[in-house]
Every structure is written in C-alpha cells, then in structure tokens.
Amino acid sequence: MVDIKTSGRKVAISDALREQVELKIGNALKVFDIKPMSCDVVLRVDKNRSNPDRRACEVTVFVRDNVVRVVAVANDLDTAIDEAADKVTRQLRKYKTRIVDKRQHAKRPMPAVEPVADLADLIISSDDDDDQLVREKIVELTPMSVDEALVQIDLIGHDFYMFEDARTGLTCVVYRRKNGGYGIIKPKIEDEDE
C-alpha cells in the first residue's frame, strides 16, 4: 500500500474526503507496483474573482528518485480528485514506459553526485519587498542526457528543469518556450588555449 498524505488549504479535510482521496488516488497508484513510492495530496480552494467556486487537487508522487506532479481544477472537489487520479495514471504510465524501460535497457553506472553550493551565500539583500527571495529549493543534480531531462520536465509539470549533463558534467537547464518547443541553457566553457 502506498503512503498517501492528505492535507488541505482553505478547506477542512473530513474523513469521507480523506477516504475518497485514498480510494481514487490509491487505485491510480496501485496499478504501478514500483517501490519505493509515496504520495502527497493537497486539496485547496483557490481565490479567483472570475470563478469563486474553483477547487483544486494537487498530487505529488515520489517514485524512486523522480517526482510526478499533477494538478486538476474543477468546480467541486469530487471532480477535481477524479481528474487528478486520471492524470496521475497517465503520468505514471509515461514514467514507467520512458524511464523504467530505458533504465532496464541501458544499465549504465551513474557517477557520484557532487554537493550543490549553499544558495544562501549567493543571495543579495534588497530593501524592496518585490526583490525578496521568498523560497529556497535544494535540488539534487542527477547526471542525465538532455532527452532524459526533457522527460523529467514533462513529469514534473514545471516550465524548467535543472540537471547535470552526463556527457560534459556541466549544470544545465532545459525550459519550455512560450512559442512551443524547448530550450537549453548551458554555461560557457573557456578554452584552455585563451
């Protein structure tokens, strides 16, 4: 059984709601017997003037060293939970076919990951409230190819993904472009001859 942690933002989580989450999301996760796997579910009521009855179900699944994240929005929580369960099933199917199958065929050893420098040393203080750093996130850079990073950006659902290029050992960022497609940011390497 997968450990499902349910929490609420601006909504009280009743026992019936918790059981529904465990039933719907739990059934979506049971299909994939991948260990270790844990799941965080956040139910929330969004404040939006154009749609005051907007409810959201945010599901984050931690599968081995990867994260699968989906968000479903509807006018009631029951529908949002059902949509999130469907999205989780699709994302985990994508994860299983792309990641697990690829790893079984490749079976290459991964080099050790170097620790990331402390972000707190890089923060520049400012008196303007808009320029304040409001959240710090520590990421473990995993050596992978650009194709694997593109799979991760789809699984996480973010607009960017930071990784270590397995070929060069450099820290790179892939990002989703507004006009479609993806881009990559690589650090400039100085030639030794210069």
N, C-alpha and C. Protein backbone atom coordinates (compact mmCIF):
# COMPACT_ATOMS: atom_id res chain seq x y z
N MET A 1 0.84 -1.18 0.00
CA MET A 1 0.00 0.00 0.00
C MET A 1 0.88 1.24 0.00
N VAL A 2 0.55 2.19 -0.81
CA VAL A 2 1.30 3.44 -0.94
C VAL A 2 0.88 4.38 0.19
N ASP A 3 1.85 5.05 0.78
CA ASP A 3 1.57 6.02 1.84
C ASP A 3 1.07 7.31 1.19
N ILE A 4 -0.21 7.66 1.46
CA ILE A 4 -0.82 8.87 0.90
C ILE A 4 -1.06 9.86 2.04
N LYS A 5 -0.42 11.02 1.96
CA LYS A 5 -0.62 12.08 2.95
C LYS A 5 -1.55 13.12 2.36
N THR A 6 -2.69 13.34 3.00
CA THR A 6 -3.68 14.28 2.50
C THR A 6 -3.73 15.51 3.40
N SER A 7 -3.67 16.68 2.78
CA SER A 7 -3.77 17.93 3.54
C SER A 7 -4.66 18.90 2.77
N GLY A 8 -5.09 19.95 3.45
CA GLY A 8 -5.99 20.91 2.83
C GLY A 8 -5.52 22.33 3.03
N ARG A 9 -5.78 23.16 2.05
CA ARG A 9 -5.51 24.60 2.15
C ARG A 9 -6.82 25.32 1.93
N LYS A 10 -7.24 26.01 2.96
CA LYS A 10 -8.51 26.74 2.96
C LYS A 10 -9.70 25.81 2.79
N VAL A 11 -9.53 24.54 3.17
CA VAL A 11 -10.62 23.57 3.15
C VAL A 11 -10.35 22.54 4.26
N ALA A 12 -11.41 22.18 4.99
CA ALA A 12 -11.28 21.18 6.05
C ALA A 12 -11.35 19.79 5.42
N ILE A 13 -10.45 18.91 5.83
CA ILE A 13 -10.42 17.55 5.29
C ILE A 13 -11.23 16.65 6.21
N SER A 14 -12.39 16.22 5.74
CA SER A 14 -13.23 15.32 6.53
C SER A 14 -12.76 13.88 6.30
N ASP A 15 -13.25 12.96 7.15
CA ASP A 15 -12.89 11.56 6.99
C ASP A 15 -13.38 11.01 5.66
N ALA A 16 -14.58 11.42 5.23
CA ALA A 16 -15.13 10.96 3.96
C ALA A 16 -14.28 11.44 2.79
N LEU A 17 -13.81 12.69 2.86
CA LEU A 17 -12.97 13.24 1.80
C LEU A 17 -11.62 12.53 1.76
N ARG A 18 -11.06 12.26 2.95
CA ARG A 18 -9.79 11.53 3.04
C ARG A 18 -9.93 10.12 2.46
N GLU A 19 -11.06 9.45 2.76
CA GLU A 19 -11.30 8.11 2.22
C GLU A 19 -11.44 8.14 0.71
N GLN A 20 -12.10 9.18 0.18
CA GLN A 20 -12.26 9.29 -1.26
C GLN A 20 -10.90 9.48 -1.94
N VAL A 21 -10.06 10.31 -1.35
CA VAL A 21 -8.71 10.52 -1.90
C VAL A 21 -7.94 9.22 -1.89
N GLU A 22 -7.97 8.51 -0.75
CA GLU A 22 -7.23 7.25 -0.66
C GLU A 22 -7.76 6.21 -1.63
N LEU A 23 -9.08 6.21 -1.86
CA LEU A 23 -9.67 5.26 -2.79
C LEU A 23 -9.29 5.60 -4.24
N LYS A 24 -9.55 6.83 -4.67
CA LYS A 24 -9.33 7.21 -6.07
C LYS A 24 -7.84 7.28 -6.41
N ILE A 25 -7.08 8.05 -5.63
CA ILE A 25 -5.65 8.20 -5.91
C ILE A 25 -4.93 6.89 -5.62
N GLY A 26 -5.34 6.20 -4.55
CA GLY A 26 -4.73 4.90 -4.21
C GLY A 26 -4.90 3.90 -5.33
N ASN A 27 -6.10 3.85 -5.94
CA ASN A 27 -6.32 2.93 -7.06
C ASN A 27 -5.46 3.30 -8.26
N ALA A 28 -5.28 4.58 -8.49
CA ALA A 28 -4.42 5.02 -9.60
C ALA A 28 -2.97 4.61 -9.36
N LEU A 29 -2.54 4.60 -8.09
CA LEU A 29 -1.15 4.26 -7.77
C LEU A 29 -0.94 2.75 -7.68
N LYS A 30 -2.01 1.98 -7.38
CA LYS A 30 -1.88 0.53 -7.25
C LYS A 30 -1.50 -0.15 -8.55
N VAL A 31 -1.88 0.46 -9.65
CA VAL A 31 -1.60 -0.13 -10.96
C VAL A 31 -0.10 -0.31 -11.16
N PHE A 32 0.70 0.58 -10.59
CA PHE A 32 2.15 0.55 -10.77
C PHE A 32 2.80 0.13 -9.47
N ASP A 33 3.32 -1.08 -9.46
CA ASP A 33 3.95 -1.63 -8.27
C ASP A 33 5.43 -1.28 -8.28
N ILE A 34 5.72 0.00 -8.08
CA ILE A 34 7.10 0.48 -8.08
C ILE A 34 7.42 0.88 -6.65
N LYS A 35 8.48 0.34 -6.10
CA LYS A 35 8.88 0.66 -4.73
C LYS A 35 10.21 1.39 -4.78
N PRO A 36 10.50 2.36 -3.94
CA PRO A 36 9.59 3.00 -3.00
C PRO A 36 8.76 4.07 -3.71
N MET A 37 7.55 4.26 -3.22
CA MET A 37 6.65 5.27 -3.76
C MET A 37 5.86 5.87 -2.61
N SER A 38 5.77 7.20 -2.57
CA SER A 38 4.93 7.88 -1.60
C SER A 38 4.20 9.00 -2.33
N CYS A 39 3.13 9.51 -1.69
CA CYS A 39 2.26 10.45 -2.38
C CYS A 39 1.77 11.52 -1.41
N ASP A 40 1.81 12.78 -1.85
CA ASP A 40 1.24 13.90 -1.11
C ASP A 40 0.09 14.46 -1.93
N VAL A 41 -1.08 14.62 -1.28
CA VAL A 41 -2.25 15.18 -1.94
C VAL A 41 -2.66 16.43 -1.18
N VAL A 42 -2.79 17.54 -1.92
CA VAL A 42 -3.22 18.80 -1.31
C VAL A 42 -4.53 19.21 -1.99
N LEU A 43 -5.57 19.36 -1.19
CA LEU A 43 -6.85 19.84 -1.68
C LEU A 43 -6.95 21.31 -1.29
N ARG A 44 -7.36 22.17 -2.22
CA ARG A 44 -7.39 23.59 -1.91
C ARG A 44 -8.54 24.29 -2.62
N VAL A 45 -8.89 25.41 -2.04
CA VAL A 45 -9.88 26.31 -2.63
C VAL A 45 -9.12 27.54 -3.09
N ASP A 46 -9.14 27.80 -4.39
CA ASP A 46 -8.42 28.95 -4.95
C ASP A 46 -9.29 30.18 -4.91
N LYS A 47 -8.69 31.31 -4.56
CA LYS A 47 -9.41 32.58 -4.60
C LYS A 47 -9.23 33.16 -6.00
N ASN A 48 -10.35 33.29 -6.69
CA ASN A 48 -10.33 33.80 -8.04
C ASN A 48 -11.64 34.54 -8.26
N ARG A 49 -11.58 35.80 -8.58
CA ARG A 49 -12.80 36.59 -8.73
C ARG A 49 -13.67 36.09 -9.87
N SER A 50 -13.07 35.65 -10.94
CA SER A 50 -13.86 35.21 -12.08
C SER A 50 -14.50 33.84 -11.85
N ASN A 51 -13.95 33.03 -10.96
CA ASN A 51 -14.50 31.71 -10.67
C ASN A 51 -14.36 31.45 -9.16
N PRO A 52 -15.28 31.95 -8.34
CA PRO A 52 -15.13 31.84 -6.89
C PRO A 52 -15.29 30.41 -6.35
N ASP A 53 -15.86 29.50 -7.13
CA ASP A 53 -16.08 28.13 -6.67
C ASP A 53 -15.01 27.17 -7.20
N ARG A 54 -13.84 27.65 -7.47
CA ARG A 54 -12.77 26.84 -8.05
C ARG A 54 -12.08 25.99 -6.98
N ARG A 55 -12.04 24.69 -7.20
CA ARG A 55 -11.39 23.74 -6.28
C ARG A 55 -10.26 23.04 -7.03
N ALA A 56 -9.20 22.71 -6.31
CA ALA A 56 -8.05 22.07 -6.94
C ALA A 56 -7.57 20.89 -6.12
N CYS A 57 -7.08 19.89 -6.84
CA CYS A 57 -6.46 18.72 -6.21
C CYS A 57 -5.06 18.61 -6.81
N GLU A 58 -4.06 18.75 -5.94
CA GLU A 58 -2.66 18.71 -6.36
C GLU A 58 -2.04 17.43 -5.83
N VAL A 59 -1.52 16.59 -6.72
CA VAL A 59 -0.96 15.30 -6.34
C VAL A 59 0.51 15.29 -6.70
N THR A 60 1.36 14.95 -5.73
CA THR A 60 2.80 14.82 -5.95
C THR A 60 3.20 13.40 -5.56
N VAL A 61 3.71 12.65 -6.52
CA VAL A 61 4.11 11.26 -6.27
C VAL A 61 5.63 11.19 -6.35
N PHE A 62 6.23 10.62 -5.32
CA PHE A 62 7.68 10.44 -5.26
C PHE A 62 7.97 8.98 -5.61
N VAL A 63 8.54 8.76 -6.80
CA VAL A 63 8.83 7.42 -7.28
C VAL A 63 10.34 7.30 -7.43
N ARG A 64 10.93 6.48 -6.58
CA ARG A 64 12.37 6.31 -6.56
C ARG A 64 13.04 7.69 -6.49
N ASP A 65 13.79 8.07 -7.51
CA ASP A 65 14.48 9.36 -7.49
C ASP A 65 13.76 10.42 -8.32
N ASN A 66 12.52 10.15 -8.72
CA ASN A 66 11.79 11.06 -9.59
C ASN A 66 10.53 11.58 -8.89
N VAL A 67 10.01 12.68 -9.43
CA VAL A 67 8.79 13.28 -8.91
C VAL A 67 7.79 13.40 -10.06
N VAL A 68 6.57 12.93 -9.82
CA VAL A 68 5.48 13.08 -10.78
C VAL A 68 4.46 13.99 -10.10
N ARG A 69 4.11 15.10 -10.76
CA ARG A 69 3.22 16.08 -10.15
C ARG A 69 2.11 16.44 -11.11
N VAL A 70 0.86 16.43 -10.62
CA VAL A 70 -0.28 16.83 -11.43
C VAL A 70 -1.18 17.74 -10.61
N VAL A 71 -1.92 18.61 -11.30
CA VAL A 71 -2.90 19.49 -10.68
C VAL A 71 -4.17 19.40 -11.52
N ALA A 72 -5.29 19.18 -10.84
CA ALA A 72 -6.59 19.16 -11.51
C ALA A 72 -7.48 20.21 -10.86
N VAL A 73 -8.17 21.00 -11.68
CA VAL A 73 -9.02 22.08 -11.19
C VAL A 73 -10.44 21.86 -11.70
N ALA A 74 -11.42 22.01 -10.79
CA ALA A 74 -12.83 21.85 -11.16
C ALA A 74 -13.67 22.70 -10.22
N ASN A 75 -14.98 22.66 -10.43
CA ASN A 75 -15.89 23.44 -9.57
C ASN A 75 -16.21 22.73 -8.27
N ASP A 76 -15.93 21.43 -8.17
CA ASP A 76 -16.12 20.73 -6.90
C ASP A 76 -14.94 19.78 -6.69
N LEU A 77 -14.69 19.43 -5.42
CA LEU A 77 -13.53 18.61 -5.09
C LEU A 77 -13.64 17.19 -5.64
N ASP A 78 -14.85 16.63 -5.69
CA ASP A 78 -15.01 15.26 -6.20
C ASP A 78 -14.50 15.16 -7.64
N THR A 79 -14.90 16.10 -8.47
CA THR A 79 -14.47 16.10 -9.87
C THR A 79 -12.96 16.34 -9.97
N ALA A 80 -12.44 17.25 -9.15
CA ALA A 80 -11.01 17.53 -9.17
C ALA A 80 -10.20 16.30 -8.78
N ILE A 81 -10.68 15.54 -7.78
CA ILE A 81 -9.98 14.32 -7.34
C ILE A 81 -10.02 13.29 -8.45
N ASP A 82 -11.17 13.11 -9.12
CA ASP A 82 -11.28 12.15 -10.22
C ASP A 82 -10.33 12.51 -11.37
N GLU A 83 -10.30 13.81 -11.74
CA GLU A 83 -9.42 14.24 -12.81
C GLU A 83 -7.95 14.06 -12.43
N ALA A 84 -7.60 14.33 -11.17
CA ALA A 84 -6.22 14.17 -10.72
C ALA A 84 -5.82 12.70 -10.77
N ALA A 85 -6.73 11.80 -10.39
CA ALA A 85 -6.44 10.36 -10.45
C ALA A 85 -6.16 9.92 -11.88
N ASP A 86 -6.96 10.43 -12.83
CA ASP A 86 -6.74 10.09 -14.24
C ASP A 86 -5.40 10.62 -14.73
N LYS A 87 -5.07 11.86 -14.36
CA LYS A 87 -3.81 12.46 -14.78
C LYS A 87 -2.61 11.72 -14.18
N VAL A 88 -2.73 11.31 -12.91
CA VAL A 88 -1.64 10.56 -12.27
C VAL A 88 -1.41 9.24 -12.99
N THR A 89 -2.50 8.57 -13.35
CA THR A 89 -2.38 7.30 -14.08
C THR A 89 -1.63 7.51 -15.39
N ARG A 90 -1.98 8.55 -16.14
CA ARG A 90 -1.30 8.82 -17.41
C ARG A 90 0.17 9.16 -17.19
N GLN A 91 0.46 9.99 -16.20
CA GLN A 91 1.84 10.39 -15.96
C GLN A 91 2.70 9.22 -15.49
N LEU A 92 2.13 8.37 -14.63
CA LEU A 92 2.89 7.20 -14.17
C LEU A 92 3.11 6.21 -15.31
N ARG A 93 2.14 6.09 -16.19
CA ARG A 93 2.32 5.22 -17.36
C ARG A 93 3.46 5.76 -18.22
N LYS A 94 3.49 7.08 -18.40
CA LYS A 94 4.57 7.72 -19.16
C LYS A 94 5.91 7.49 -18.45
N TYR A 95 5.90 7.65 -17.13
CA TYR A 95 7.12 7.42 -16.34
C TYR A 95 7.62 5.99 -16.55
N LYS A 96 6.71 5.05 -16.40
CA LYS A 96 7.10 3.64 -16.47
C LYS A 96 7.64 3.28 -17.84
N THR A 97 6.98 3.73 -18.90
CA THR A 97 7.44 3.36 -20.23
C THR A 97 8.74 4.06 -20.62
N ARG A 98 8.88 5.33 -20.26
CA ARG A 98 10.07 6.08 -20.67
C ARG A 98 11.27 5.84 -19.77
N ILE A 99 11.06 5.93 -18.47
CA ILE A 99 12.18 5.88 -17.53
C ILE A 99 12.59 4.46 -17.19
N VAL A 100 11.65 3.67 -16.69
CA VAL A 100 11.98 2.34 -16.21
C VAL A 100 12.47 1.46 -17.34
N ASP A 101 11.77 1.45 -18.48
CA ASP A 101 12.19 0.62 -19.60
C ASP A 101 13.55 1.05 -20.13
N LYS A 102 13.78 2.37 -20.18
CA LYS A 102 15.06 2.88 -20.67
C LYS A 102 16.20 2.46 -19.73
N ARG A 103 15.94 2.51 -18.42
CA ARG A 103 16.98 2.12 -17.46
C ARG A 103 17.27 0.62 -17.53
N GLN A 104 16.26 -0.17 -17.78
CA GLN A 104 16.49 -1.61 -17.88
C GLN A 104 17.35 -1.96 -19.08
N HIS A 105 17.20 -1.22 -20.17
CA HIS A 105 17.99 -1.48 -21.36
C HIS A 105 19.38 -0.90 -21.26
N ALA A 106 19.53 0.23 -20.64
CA ALA A 106 20.83 0.90 -20.59
C ALA A 106 21.76 0.25 -19.57
N LYS A 107 21.32 0.10 -18.34
CA LYS A 107 22.11 -0.48 -17.24
C LYS A 107 23.53 0.06 -17.20
N ARG A 108 23.64 1.37 -17.19
CA ARG A 108 24.96 2.00 -17.09
C ARG A 108 25.14 2.56 -15.69
N PRO A 109 26.35 2.49 -15.13
CA PRO A 109 26.57 3.02 -13.79
C PRO A 109 26.54 4.55 -13.80
N MET A 110 25.93 5.13 -12.77
CA MET A 110 25.85 6.58 -12.64
C MET A 110 26.99 7.07 -11.75
N PRO A 111 27.70 8.14 -12.16
CA PRO A 111 28.75 8.69 -11.32
C PRO A 111 28.17 9.36 -10.08
N ALA A 112 29.01 9.52 -9.07
CA ALA A 112 28.57 10.14 -7.82
C ALA A 112 28.23 11.61 -8.06
N VAL A 113 27.22 12.11 -7.35
CA VAL A 113 26.77 13.49 -7.50
C VAL A 113 27.51 14.36 -6.49
N GLU A 114 28.06 15.46 -6.98
CA GLU A 114 28.74 16.41 -6.11
C GLU A 114 27.72 17.26 -5.36
N PRO A 115 28.00 17.66 -4.11
CA PRO A 115 27.06 18.50 -3.38
C PRO A 115 26.93 19.88 -4.03
N VAL A 116 25.75 20.45 -3.94
CA VAL A 116 25.46 21.77 -4.51
C VAL A 116 25.91 22.84 -3.52
N ALA A 117 26.49 23.93 -4.02
CA ALA A 117 26.92 25.04 -3.16
C ALA A 117 25.71 25.64 -2.45
N ASP A 118 25.94 26.21 -1.27
CA ASP A 118 24.85 26.78 -0.48
C ASP A 118 24.29 28.03 -1.16
N LEU A 119 22.99 28.04 -1.40
CA LEU A 119 22.33 29.14 -2.09
C LEU A 119 22.31 30.40 -1.23
N ALA A 120 22.33 30.24 0.09
CA ALA A 120 22.25 31.40 0.98
C ALA A 120 23.43 32.35 0.77
N ASP A 121 24.59 31.83 0.35
CA ASP A 121 25.75 32.69 0.12
C ASP A 121 25.58 33.55 -1.14
N LEU A 122 24.69 33.13 -2.05
CA LEU A 122 24.52 33.83 -3.31
C LEU A 122 23.43 34.89 -3.26
N ILE A 123 22.66 34.95 -2.17
CA ILE A 123 21.53 35.88 -2.08
C ILE A 123 22.03 37.30 -1.83
N ILE A 124 21.52 38.22 -2.63
CA ILE A 124 21.85 39.64 -2.46
C ILE A 124 20.65 40.29 -1.79
N SER A 125 20.89 40.93 -0.65
CA SER A 125 19.77 41.53 0.07
C SER A 125 19.33 42.83 -0.61
N SER A 126 18.02 43.11 -0.50
CA SER A 126 17.44 44.30 -1.11
C SER A 126 16.39 44.86 -0.17
N ASP A 127 16.20 46.17 -0.20
CA ASP A 127 15.19 46.79 0.65
C ASP A 127 13.80 46.72 0.02
N ASP A 128 13.72 46.48 -1.27
CA ASP A 128 12.45 46.41 -1.98
C ASP A 128 11.81 45.04 -1.74
N ASP A 129 10.54 45.02 -1.30
CA ASP A 129 9.86 43.77 -0.99
C ASP A 129 9.66 42.89 -2.22
N ASP A 130 9.55 43.48 -3.41
CA ASP A 130 9.36 42.70 -4.62
C ASP A 130 10.60 41.91 -5.01
N ASP A 131 11.76 42.33 -4.54
CA ASP A 131 13.01 41.67 -4.89
C ASP A 131 13.45 40.63 -3.87
N GLN A 132 12.59 40.32 -2.90
CA GLN A 132 12.96 39.38 -1.86
C GLN A 132 12.85 37.95 -2.34
N LEU A 133 13.80 37.13 -1.95
CA LEU A 133 13.75 35.70 -2.22
C LEU A 133 12.76 35.10 -1.24
N VAL A 134 11.70 34.52 -1.72
CA VAL A 134 10.64 34.03 -0.83
C VAL A 134 10.68 32.52 -0.65
N ARG A 135 11.44 31.81 -1.47
CA ARG A 135 11.50 30.36 -1.32
C ARG A 135 12.85 29.86 -1.80
N GLU A 136 13.40 28.92 -1.08
CA GLU A 136 14.66 28.28 -1.46
C GLU A 136 14.38 26.81 -1.66
N LYS A 137 14.83 26.28 -2.77
CA LYS A 137 14.62 24.85 -3.04
C LYS A 137 15.97 24.23 -3.35
N ILE A 138 16.29 23.18 -2.64
CA ILE A 138 17.54 22.45 -2.85
C ILE A 138 17.25 21.30 -3.80
N VAL A 139 18.02 21.18 -4.86
CA VAL A 139 17.83 20.09 -5.81
C VAL A 139 19.08 19.24 -5.86
N GLU A 140 18.87 17.96 -6.05
CA GLU A 140 19.99 17.04 -6.22
C GLU A 140 20.19 16.88 -7.72
N LEU A 141 21.32 17.33 -8.20
CA LEU A 141 21.58 17.26 -9.63
C LEU A 141 21.96 15.84 -10.00
N THR A 142 21.20 15.27 -10.91
CA THR A 142 21.42 13.91 -11.34
C THR A 142 22.02 13.92 -12.74
N PRO A 143 23.10 13.22 -12.96
CA PRO A 143 23.66 13.15 -14.31
C PRO A 143 22.68 12.45 -15.25
N MET A 144 22.37 13.10 -16.37
CA MET A 144 21.45 12.52 -17.35
C MET A 144 21.66 13.19 -18.69
N SER A 145 21.07 12.62 -19.71
CA SER A 145 21.14 13.21 -21.04
C SER A 145 20.07 14.29 -21.17
N VAL A 146 20.15 15.07 -22.25
CA VAL A 146 19.16 16.11 -22.49
C VAL A 146 17.78 15.48 -22.71
N ASP A 147 17.73 14.34 -23.41
CA ASP A 147 16.46 13.66 -23.63
C ASP A 147 15.81 13.23 -22.32
N GLU A 148 16.62 12.73 -21.38
CA GLU A 148 16.08 12.34 -20.08
C GLU A 148 15.58 13.56 -19.31
N ALA A 149 16.26 14.69 -19.44
CA ALA A 149 15.82 15.92 -18.78
C ALA A 149 14.49 16.40 -19.35
N LEU A 150 14.29 16.24 -20.65
CA LEU A 150 13.02 16.61 -21.26
C LEU A 150 11.87 15.74 -20.76
N VAL A 151 12.16 14.48 -20.49
CA VAL A 151 11.14 13.60 -19.90
C VAL A 151 10.80 14.09 -18.50
N GLN A 152 11.83 14.48 -17.73
CA GLN A 152 11.61 14.95 -16.36
C GLN A 152 10.80 16.24 -16.33
N ILE A 153 11.02 17.16 -17.26
CA ILE A 153 10.26 18.41 -17.27
C ILE A 153 8.79 18.13 -17.51
N ASP A 154 8.49 17.11 -18.33
CA ASP A 154 7.10 16.72 -18.56
C ASP A 154 6.50 16.06 -17.33
N LEU A 155 7.27 15.22 -16.65
CA LEU A 155 6.75 14.52 -15.47
C LEU A 155 6.47 15.48 -14.32
N ILE A 156 7.33 16.44 -14.13
CA ILE A 156 7.17 17.37 -13.01
C ILE A 156 6.11 18.42 -13.30
N GLY A 157 5.99 18.82 -14.56
CA GLY A 157 4.99 19.82 -14.91
C GLY A 157 5.45 21.24 -14.71
N HIS A 158 6.75 21.45 -14.54
CA HIS A 158 7.28 22.81 -14.38
C HIS A 158 7.70 23.35 -15.74
N ASP A 159 8.05 24.62 -15.78
CA ASP A 159 8.49 25.24 -17.02
C ASP A 159 9.99 25.07 -17.26
N PHE A 160 10.72 24.57 -16.27
CA PHE A 160 12.16 24.38 -16.42
C PHE A 160 12.60 23.18 -15.59
N TYR A 161 13.81 22.68 -15.88
CA TYR A 161 14.39 21.57 -15.12
C TYR A 161 15.90 21.70 -15.16
N MET A 162 16.54 21.66 -13.98
CA MET A 162 17.98 21.79 -13.86
C MET A 162 18.58 20.40 -13.68
N PHE A 163 19.68 20.11 -14.39
CA PHE A 163 20.29 18.78 -14.33
C PHE A 163 21.78 18.89 -14.64
N GLU A 164 22.48 17.79 -14.40
CA GLU A 164 23.90 17.71 -14.76
C GLU A 164 24.00 16.89 -16.04
N ASP A 165 24.61 17.47 -17.06
CA ASP A 165 24.77 16.78 -18.34
C ASP A 165 25.76 15.63 -18.13
N ALA A 166 25.30 14.40 -18.37
CA ALA A 166 26.13 13.22 -18.14
C ALA A 166 27.35 13.19 -19.06
N ARG A 167 27.22 13.79 -20.23
CA ARG A 167 28.31 13.77 -21.20
C ARG A 167 29.41 14.75 -20.83
N THR A 168 29.03 15.97 -20.38
CA THR A 168 30.02 17.02 -20.11
C THR A 168 30.26 17.27 -18.62
N GLY A 169 29.32 16.86 -17.78
CA GLY A 169 29.44 17.12 -16.34
C GLY A 169 29.04 18.53 -15.95
N LEU A 170 28.49 19.31 -16.88
CA LEU A 170 28.11 20.70 -16.61
C LEU A 170 26.66 20.77 -16.13
N THR A 171 26.36 21.79 -15.33
CA THR A 171 25.00 22.04 -14.89
C THR A 171 24.27 22.79 -15.98
N CYS A 172 23.12 22.25 -16.41
CA CYS A 172 22.34 22.83 -17.49
C CYS A 172 20.88 22.97 -17.06
N VAL A 173 20.14 23.80 -17.79
CA VAL A 173 18.72 24.00 -17.53
C VAL A 173 17.97 23.86 -18.86
N VAL A 174 16.97 22.96 -18.89
CA VAL A 174 16.07 22.92 -20.04
C VAL A 174 14.81 23.66 -19.63
N TYR A 175 14.18 24.34 -20.59
CA TYR A 175 12.99 25.12 -20.29
C TYR A 175 11.99 25.03 -21.43
N ARG A 176 10.72 25.20 -21.08
CA ARG A 176 9.64 25.18 -22.05
C ARG A 176 9.48 26.59 -22.62
N ARG A 177 9.55 26.73 -23.94
CA ARG A 177 9.43 28.04 -24.59
C ARG A 177 7.97 28.41 -24.75
N LYS A 178 7.65 29.71 -24.65
CA LYS A 178 6.28 30.18 -24.78
C LYS A 178 5.72 29.92 -26.18
N ASN A 179 6.57 29.97 -27.20
CA ASN A 179 6.13 29.76 -28.58
C ASN A 179 6.13 28.29 -28.98
N GLY A 180 6.37 27.41 -28.02
CA GLY A 180 6.42 25.98 -28.31
C GLY A 180 7.84 25.47 -28.35
N GLY A 181 8.00 24.21 -28.08
CA GLY A 181 9.32 23.61 -28.09
C GLY A 181 10.03 23.82 -26.76
N TYR A 182 11.31 23.46 -26.75
CA TYR A 182 12.12 23.56 -25.55
C TYR A 182 13.41 24.28 -25.87
N GLY A 183 14.03 24.83 -24.82
CA GLY A 183 15.33 25.45 -24.95
C GLY A 183 16.26 24.88 -23.89
N ILE A 184 17.54 25.13 -24.05
CA ILE A 184 18.51 24.66 -23.05
C ILE A 184 19.49 25.79 -22.76
N ILE A 185 19.83 25.94 -21.49
CA ILE A 185 20.81 26.93 -21.04
C ILE A 185 22.03 26.16 -20.56
N LYS A 186 23.19 26.47 -21.16
CA LYS A 186 24.44 25.80 -20.80
C LYS A 186 25.45 26.86 -20.38
N PRO A 187 26.32 26.54 -19.43
CA PRO A 187 27.37 27.51 -19.07
C PRO A 187 28.44 27.59 -20.16
N LYS A 188 29.05 28.77 -20.30
CA LYS A 188 30.11 28.95 -21.28
C LYS A 188 31.37 28.31 -20.74
N ILE A 189 32.05 27.56 -21.59
CA ILE A 189 33.30 26.90 -21.20
C ILE A 189 34.44 27.68 -21.84
N GLU A 190 35.37 28.10 -21.01
CA GLU A 190 36.53 28.84 -21.51
C GLU A 190 37.54 27.85 -22.07
N ASP A 191 38.07 28.15 -23.22
CA ASP A 191 39.11 27.30 -23.81
C ASP A 191 40.39 27.46 -23.03
N GLU A 192 41.14 26.37 -22.86
CA GLU A 192 42.39 26.43 -22.12
C GLU A 192 43.46 27.20 -22.88
N ASP A 193 43.34 27.29 -24.21
CA ASP A 193 44.33 27.99 -25.01
C ASP A 193 44.28 29.49 -24.83
N GLU A 194 43.14 30.05 -24.42
CA GLU A 194 42.99 31.50 -24.31
C GLU A 194 43.63 32.06 -23.08
